[in-house]
């Protein structure tokens, strides 16, 4: 695979990449075992946790909102295949006027995330009644954009509330690495922030110190750790803790990368107030 992130190539080699460890059915039935695995790995990889058809219906509902010319001729919104051309006048992703901005405020989006399996899993992992924060993010990348999530930890973006947070990442469609999948830096949740603080000086966004680094090969070699990956399918679910380093790869496939980020805290905890309103890509949170 020819992989890159934010336009910077990263070799797909055993030195730099390793497989995510899937959580089996037996462990899924044991909340204590799930919590132990999450503490050990910093993530849970749960293949087939959601219904594939439900996920693909959400994909179709989102891409059906785009103007003519955005999807490739002869394809369907469910396919989500990029035509190679962004219609003139389409606002930046996620701001008012872009389909993603309205979609995260829609009943369709609410009904999908109201799946009781998500709330039950969050309660098991937080060992108490949980609530989903209203700021739910819809990320969407297409071939050639050379834009991806830089290496970061979630806590740097939500450090004004409880540290007891779990993030759920849902690929809305099949998402192999070359489509722009999420990757996790192995064992990075055990590192003190001082270990990766110097990496923040290697950046394409010097005005934003929350990101760790945009160069994933440099990050992996500097911290002597591999990026963990999977060939994600619609219906898979990732869960991670707020201090594990993760990032995404560039989308290089015709089928566009679409995903949802949802975060849960304990019902009794005080969340970061910036996460109590619906997401907008320009909200600064």
Protein backbone atom coordinates (compact mmCIF):
# COMPACT_ATOMS: atom_id res chain seq x y z
CA UNK A 1 0.00 0.00 0.00
CA UNK A 2 1.14 3.51 -0.79
CA UNK A 3 0.10 5.46 2.30
CA UNK A 4 0.41 9.08 3.36
CA UNK A 5 -1.06 11.45 5.91
CA UNK A 6 -1.52 15.16 5.20
CA UNK A 7 0.43 14.58 2.01
CA UNK A 8 3.51 13.11 3.72
CA UNK A 9 4.26 9.50 2.69
CA UNK A 10 4.73 6.80 5.31
CA UNK A 11 6.06 3.36 4.30
CA UNK A 12 3.75 0.44 5.03
CA UNK A 13 6.40 -1.73 6.66
CA UNK A 14 6.49 -4.07 9.71
CA UNK A 15 8.78 -1.53 11.34
CA UNK A 16 6.12 1.17 11.23
CA UNK A 17 2.80 -0.72 11.15
CA UNK A 18 1.22 -3.57 13.07
CA UNK A 19 -2.30 -5.00 13.37
CA UNK A 20 -4.93 -3.83 15.82
CA UNK A 21 -5.98 -6.51 18.30
CA UNK A 22 -9.64 -7.41 17.91
CA UNK A 23 -11.82 -7.96 20.96
CA UNK A 24 -13.59 -11.33 20.81
CA UNK A 25 -17.21 -12.19 21.54
CA UNK A 26 -16.46 -13.74 24.94
CA UNK A 27 -14.74 -10.61 26.23
CA UNK A 28 -17.56 -8.43 24.89
CA UNK A 29 -19.96 -10.12 27.29
CA UNK A 30 -17.76 -9.33 30.30
CA UNK A 31 -17.65 -5.62 31.28
CA UNK A 32 -14.70 -6.15 33.64
CA UNK A 33 -12.73 -7.86 30.87
CA UNK A 34 -13.57 -5.01 28.48
CA UNK A 35 -12.35 -2.41 30.96
CA UNK A 36 -9.15 -4.39 31.53
CA UNK A 37 -8.50 -4.66 27.78
CA UNK A 38 -9.16 -0.94 27.31
CA UNK A 39 -6.68 -0.11 30.10
CA UNK A 40 -4.11 -2.49 28.62
CA UNK A 41 -4.29 -1.45 24.95
CA UNK A 42 -5.78 2.04 25.14
CA UNK A 43 -8.38 0.98 22.57
CA UNK A 44 -10.99 -1.67 21.76
CA UNK A 45 -11.41 -2.90 18.19
CA UNK A 46 -14.90 -4.39 17.86
CA UNK A 47 -15.52 -5.80 14.36
CA UNK A 48 -19.18 -6.10 13.39
CA UNK A 49 -20.48 -4.39 16.54
CA UNK A 50 -23.13 -2.44 14.61
CA UNK A 51 -25.47 -3.56 11.86
CA UNK A 52 -23.77 -3.12 8.50
CA UNK A 53 -27.02 -2.14 6.75
CA UNK A 54 -27.77 0.56 9.34
CA UNK A 55 -24.32 2.05 8.78
CA UNK A 56 -24.66 1.99 5.00
CA UNK A 57 -28.12 3.61 5.19
CA UNK A 58 -26.54 6.46 7.15
CA UNK A 59 -23.87 6.77 4.45
CA UNK A 60 -26.54 6.93 1.75
CA UNK A 61 -28.56 9.53 3.67
CA UNK A 62 -25.52 11.80 4.01
CA UNK A 63 -24.20 11.63 0.46
CA UNK A 64 -27.70 12.11 -0.98
CA UNK A 65 -27.56 15.69 0.35
CA UNK A 66 -24.82 16.80 -2.05
CA UNK A 67 -25.48 18.75 -5.26
CA UNK A 68 -25.27 17.06 -8.67
CA UNK A 69 -21.77 16.44 -9.94
CA UNK A 70 -20.19 15.57 -6.61
CA UNK A 71 -20.76 11.82 -6.91
CA UNK A 72 -19.35 9.84 -9.82
CA UNK A 73 -21.83 9.20 -12.66
CA UNK A 74 -23.55 5.85 -12.44
CA UNK A 75 -22.96 5.48 -8.69
CA UNK A 76 -25.30 5.81 -5.73
CA UNK A 77 -25.08 7.88 -2.52
CA UNK A 78 -24.60 4.60 -0.65
CA UNK A 79 -21.44 4.02 -2.72
CA UNK A 80 -20.16 7.51 -1.89
CA UNK A 81 -17.81 7.55 -4.87
CA UNK A 82 -16.12 10.89 -5.55
CA UNK A 83 -16.43 12.28 -9.06
CA UNK A 84 -13.14 14.13 -8.78
CA UNK A 85 -14.89 17.49 -8.85
CA UNK A 86 -16.13 19.62 -5.96
CA UNK A 87 -19.19 21.64 -7.07
CA UNK A 88 -18.63 25.37 -7.20
CA UNK A 89 -19.93 27.20 -4.17
CA UNK A 90 -19.90 24.20 -1.80
CA UNK A 91 -18.85 25.57 1.63
CA UNK A 92 -15.92 24.14 3.58
CA UNK A 93 -16.67 20.81 5.22
CA UNK A 94 -18.72 21.05 8.39
CA UNK A 95 -19.50 24.78 8.42
CA UNK A 96 -22.98 26.24 8.04
CA UNK A 97 -24.26 25.57 4.54
CA UNK A 98 -22.27 22.35 4.09
CA UNK A 99 -24.33 19.12 4.22
CA UNK A 100 -22.36 17.82 7.21
CA UNK A 101 -23.38 20.81 9.34
CA UNK A 102 -27.09 20.13 8.86
CA UNK A 103 -26.70 16.35 8.96
CA UNK A 104 -25.32 16.23 12.52
CA UNK A 105 -28.42 18.18 13.59
CA UNK A 106 -30.84 15.85 11.80
CA UNK A 107 -33.22 13.22 13.12
CA UNK A 108 -31.51 10.65 10.89
CA UNK A 109 -28.19 11.22 12.64
CA UNK A 110 -29.81 11.26 16.10
CA UNK A 111 -31.63 7.98 15.50
CA UNK A 112 -28.46 6.25 14.34
CA UNK A 113 -26.49 7.31 17.43
CA UNK A 114 -29.38 6.52 19.76
CA UNK A 115 -28.55 2.84 19.25
CA UNK A 116 -28.79 1.47 22.82
CA UNK A 117 -25.76 -0.78 22.23
CA UNK A 118 -23.52 2.30 22.18
CA UNK A 119 -24.84 3.66 25.49
CA UNK A 120 -24.64 0.22 27.10
CA UNK A 121 -21.06 -0.25 26.00
CA UNK A 122 -20.12 3.20 27.31
CA UNK A 123 -21.73 2.44 30.67
CA UNK A 124 -19.82 -0.85 30.87
CA UNK A 125 -16.52 0.89 30.10
CA UNK A 126 -17.09 3.86 32.42
CA UNK A 127 -18.47 1.55 35.13
CA UNK A 128 -21.51 3.74 35.61
CA UNK A 129 -24.41 5.35 33.78
CA UNK A 130 -23.07 7.26 30.76
CA UNK A 131 -24.22 10.04 28.48
CA UNK A 132 -23.17 10.93 24.96
CA UNK A 133 -21.87 14.48 24.55
CA UNK A 134 -23.88 16.58 22.05
CA UNK A 135 -20.81 17.56 20.01
CA UNK A 136 -20.75 14.57 17.62
CA UNK A 137 -18.33 14.99 14.72
CA UNK A 138 -18.84 13.84 11.14
CA UNK A 139 -15.55 13.60 9.25
CA UNK A 140 -15.45 13.27 5.48
CA UNK A 141 -12.37 13.12 3.24
CA UNK A 142 -12.11 12.52 -0.50
CA UNK A 143 -9.33 11.38 -2.80
CA UNK A 144 -6.74 14.06 -3.51
CA UNK A 145 -7.58 16.32 -0.57
CA UNK A 146 -4.31 15.48 1.23
CA UNK A 147 -6.07 16.26 4.51
CA UNK A 148 -6.18 13.95 7.51
CA UNK A 149 -6.31 14.03 11.30
CA UNK A 150 -2.84 14.77 12.66
CA UNK A 151 -1.32 12.75 15.48
CA UNK A 152 -3.07 13.88 18.66
CA UNK A 153 -4.66 12.83 21.92
CA UNK A 154 -8.32 13.67 22.52
CA UNK A 155 -7.71 15.12 25.96
CA UNK A 156 -5.84 18.10 24.46
CA UNK A 157 -9.15 19.06 22.79
CA UNK A 158 -11.40 18.52 25.81
CA UNK A 159 -9.32 19.39 28.87
CA UNK A 160 -11.89 21.55 30.67
CA UNK A 161 -13.90 18.71 32.17
CA UNK A 162 -13.77 15.16 33.43
CA UNK A 163 -10.89 12.95 32.32
CA UNK A 164 -13.21 9.92 32.35
CA UNK A 165 -14.08 9.98 28.66
CA UNK A 166 -14.36 7.27 26.02
CA UNK A 167 -14.39 8.04 22.32
CA UNK A 168 -16.22 5.86 19.81
CA UNK A 169 -15.11 6.03 16.19
CA UNK A 170 -17.52 4.63 13.64
CA UNK A 171 -16.41 4.18 10.01
CA UNK A 172 -19.51 4.92 7.93
CA UNK A 173 -18.64 2.55 5.11
CA UNK A 174 -15.79 0.18 4.43
CA UNK A 175 -12.52 1.89 5.31
CA UNK A 176 -9.21 0.15 4.54
CA UNK A 177 -6.00 2.06 5.33
CA UNK A 178 -5.75 3.55 1.83
CA UNK A 179 -9.26 5.03 2.24
CA UNK A 180 -8.09 7.15 5.17
CA UNK A 181 -8.55 4.88 8.18
CA UNK A 182 -7.72 5.76 11.76
CA UNK A 183 -4.42 4.42 13.16
CA UNK A 184 -3.25 4.17 16.78
CA UNK A 185 0.28 4.52 18.12
CA UNK A 186 1.01 1.29 19.97
CA UNK A 187 1.03 1.64 23.76
CA UNK A 188 1.08 5.44 23.55
CA UNK A 189 -1.54 5.81 26.31
CA UNK A 190 1.21 4.83 28.77
CA UNK A 191 3.48 7.72 27.75
CA UNK A 192 3.71 10.90 29.82
CA UNK A 193 2.95 14.04 27.80
CA UNK A 194 6.57 15.12 28.26
CA UNK A 195 7.63 12.21 26.02
CA UNK A 196 5.90 13.62 22.96
CA UNK A 197 5.90 17.35 23.78
CA UNK A 198 9.06 17.98 21.64
CA UNK A 199 7.30 16.54 18.58
CA UNK A 200 4.87 19.47 18.57
CA UNK A 201 7.63 21.62 17.08
CA UNK A 202 7.45 19.54 13.86
CA UNK A 203 4.14 20.83 12.58
CA UNK A 204 2.29 22.27 9.61
CA UNK A 205 0.06 24.21 12.02
CA UNK A 206 2.37 26.18 14.29
CA UNK A 207 -0.56 28.22 15.61
CA UNK A 208 -2.22 25.12 17.13
CA UNK A 209 -0.19 23.33 19.81
CA UNK A 210 -2.92 20.78 20.49
CA UNK A 211 -1.80 18.55 17.65
CA UNK A 212 1.34 16.51 18.26
CA UNK A 213 2.69 16.12 14.72
CA UNK A 214 1.49 15.89 11.12
CA UNK A 215 4.35 13.57 10.07
CA UNK A 216 3.37 10.04 11.11
CA UNK A 217 6.67 8.36 10.21
CA UNK A 218 8.60 10.92 12.25
CA UNK A 219 6.20 10.42 15.15
CA UNK A 220 6.55 6.62 15.09
CA UNK A 221 10.35 6.67 14.83
CA UNK A 222 10.75 9.37 17.48
CA UNK A 223 8.68 7.41 19.99
CA UNK A 224 9.90 3.98 18.79
CA UNK A 225 6.38 2.64 18.35
CA UNK A 226 4.28 1.26 15.49
CA UNK A 227 1.03 2.55 14.09
CA UNK A 228 -1.70 -0.07 14.54
CA UNK A 229 -4.20 -0.51 11.72
CA UNK A 230 -7.15 -2.59 10.52
CA UNK A 231 -9.08 -3.10 7.31
CA UNK A 232 -12.28 -1.59 8.73
CA UNK A 233 -15.69 -2.61 7.43
CA UNK A 234 -19.07 -0.92 7.81
CA UNK A 235 -20.39 -2.08 11.19
CA UNK A 236 -17.00 -2.05 12.94
CA UNK A 237 -16.48 0.11 16.01
CA UNK A 238 -13.36 1.53 17.64
CA UNK A 239 -13.30 2.77 21.23
CA UNK A 240 -10.33 4.57 22.76
CA UNK A 241 -9.19 6.41 25.85
CA UNK A 242 -8.50 10.17 25.78
CA UNK A 243 -4.70 9.87 26.11
CA UNK A 244 -3.86 7.43 23.31
CA UNK A 245 -2.10 8.96 20.29
CA UNK A 246 -4.01 8.44 17.06
CA UNK A 247 -4.24 9.94 13.60
CA UNK A 248 -5.71 9.18 10.19
CA UNK A 249 -4.26 8.41 6.78
CA UNK A 250 -5.03 10.24 3.56
CA UNK A 251 -7.97 9.07 1.50
CA UNK A 252 -6.68 7.69 -1.81
CA UNK A 253 -9.66 5.60 -2.95
CA UNK A 254 -12.59 6.55 -5.16
CA UNK A 255 -15.00 5.67 -2.33
CA UNK A 256 -14.90 8.57 0.13
CA UNK A 257 -14.02 8.19 3.80
CA UNK A 258 -16.89 9.04 6.14
CA UNK A 259 -16.83 8.54 9.92
CA UNK A 260 -18.49 9.60 13.16
CA UNK A 261 -16.81 10.52 16.44
CA UNK A 262 -19.00 10.24 19.54
CA UNK A 263 -17.81 10.74 23.09
CA UNK A 264 -19.26 9.56 26.38
CA UNK A 265 -18.75 10.64 30.00
CA UNK A 266 -20.28 9.38 33.20
CA UNK A 267 -23.71 10.84 33.83
CA UNK A 268 -22.51 12.22 37.16
CA UNK A 269 -19.33 13.86 35.78
CA UNK A 270 -18.90 17.44 34.57
CA UNK A 271 -18.01 17.46 30.87
CA UNK A 272 -16.00 20.03 28.94
CA UNK A 273 -18.59 22.79 28.24
CA UNK A 274 -17.36 23.16 24.64
CA UNK A 275 -18.78 19.70 23.93
CA UNK A 276 -22.32 20.51 25.06
CA UNK A 277 -23.44 22.03 21.74
CA UNK A 278 -23.66 20.52 18.26
CA UNK A 279 -20.45 20.32 16.26
CA UNK A 280 -19.46 22.86 13.64
CA UNK A 281 -16.09 22.64 11.91
CA UNK A 282 -15.36 26.27 12.74
CA UNK A 283 -16.44 26.21 16.41
CA UNK A 284 -12.84 26.27 17.68
CA UNK A 285 -13.29 23.34 20.07
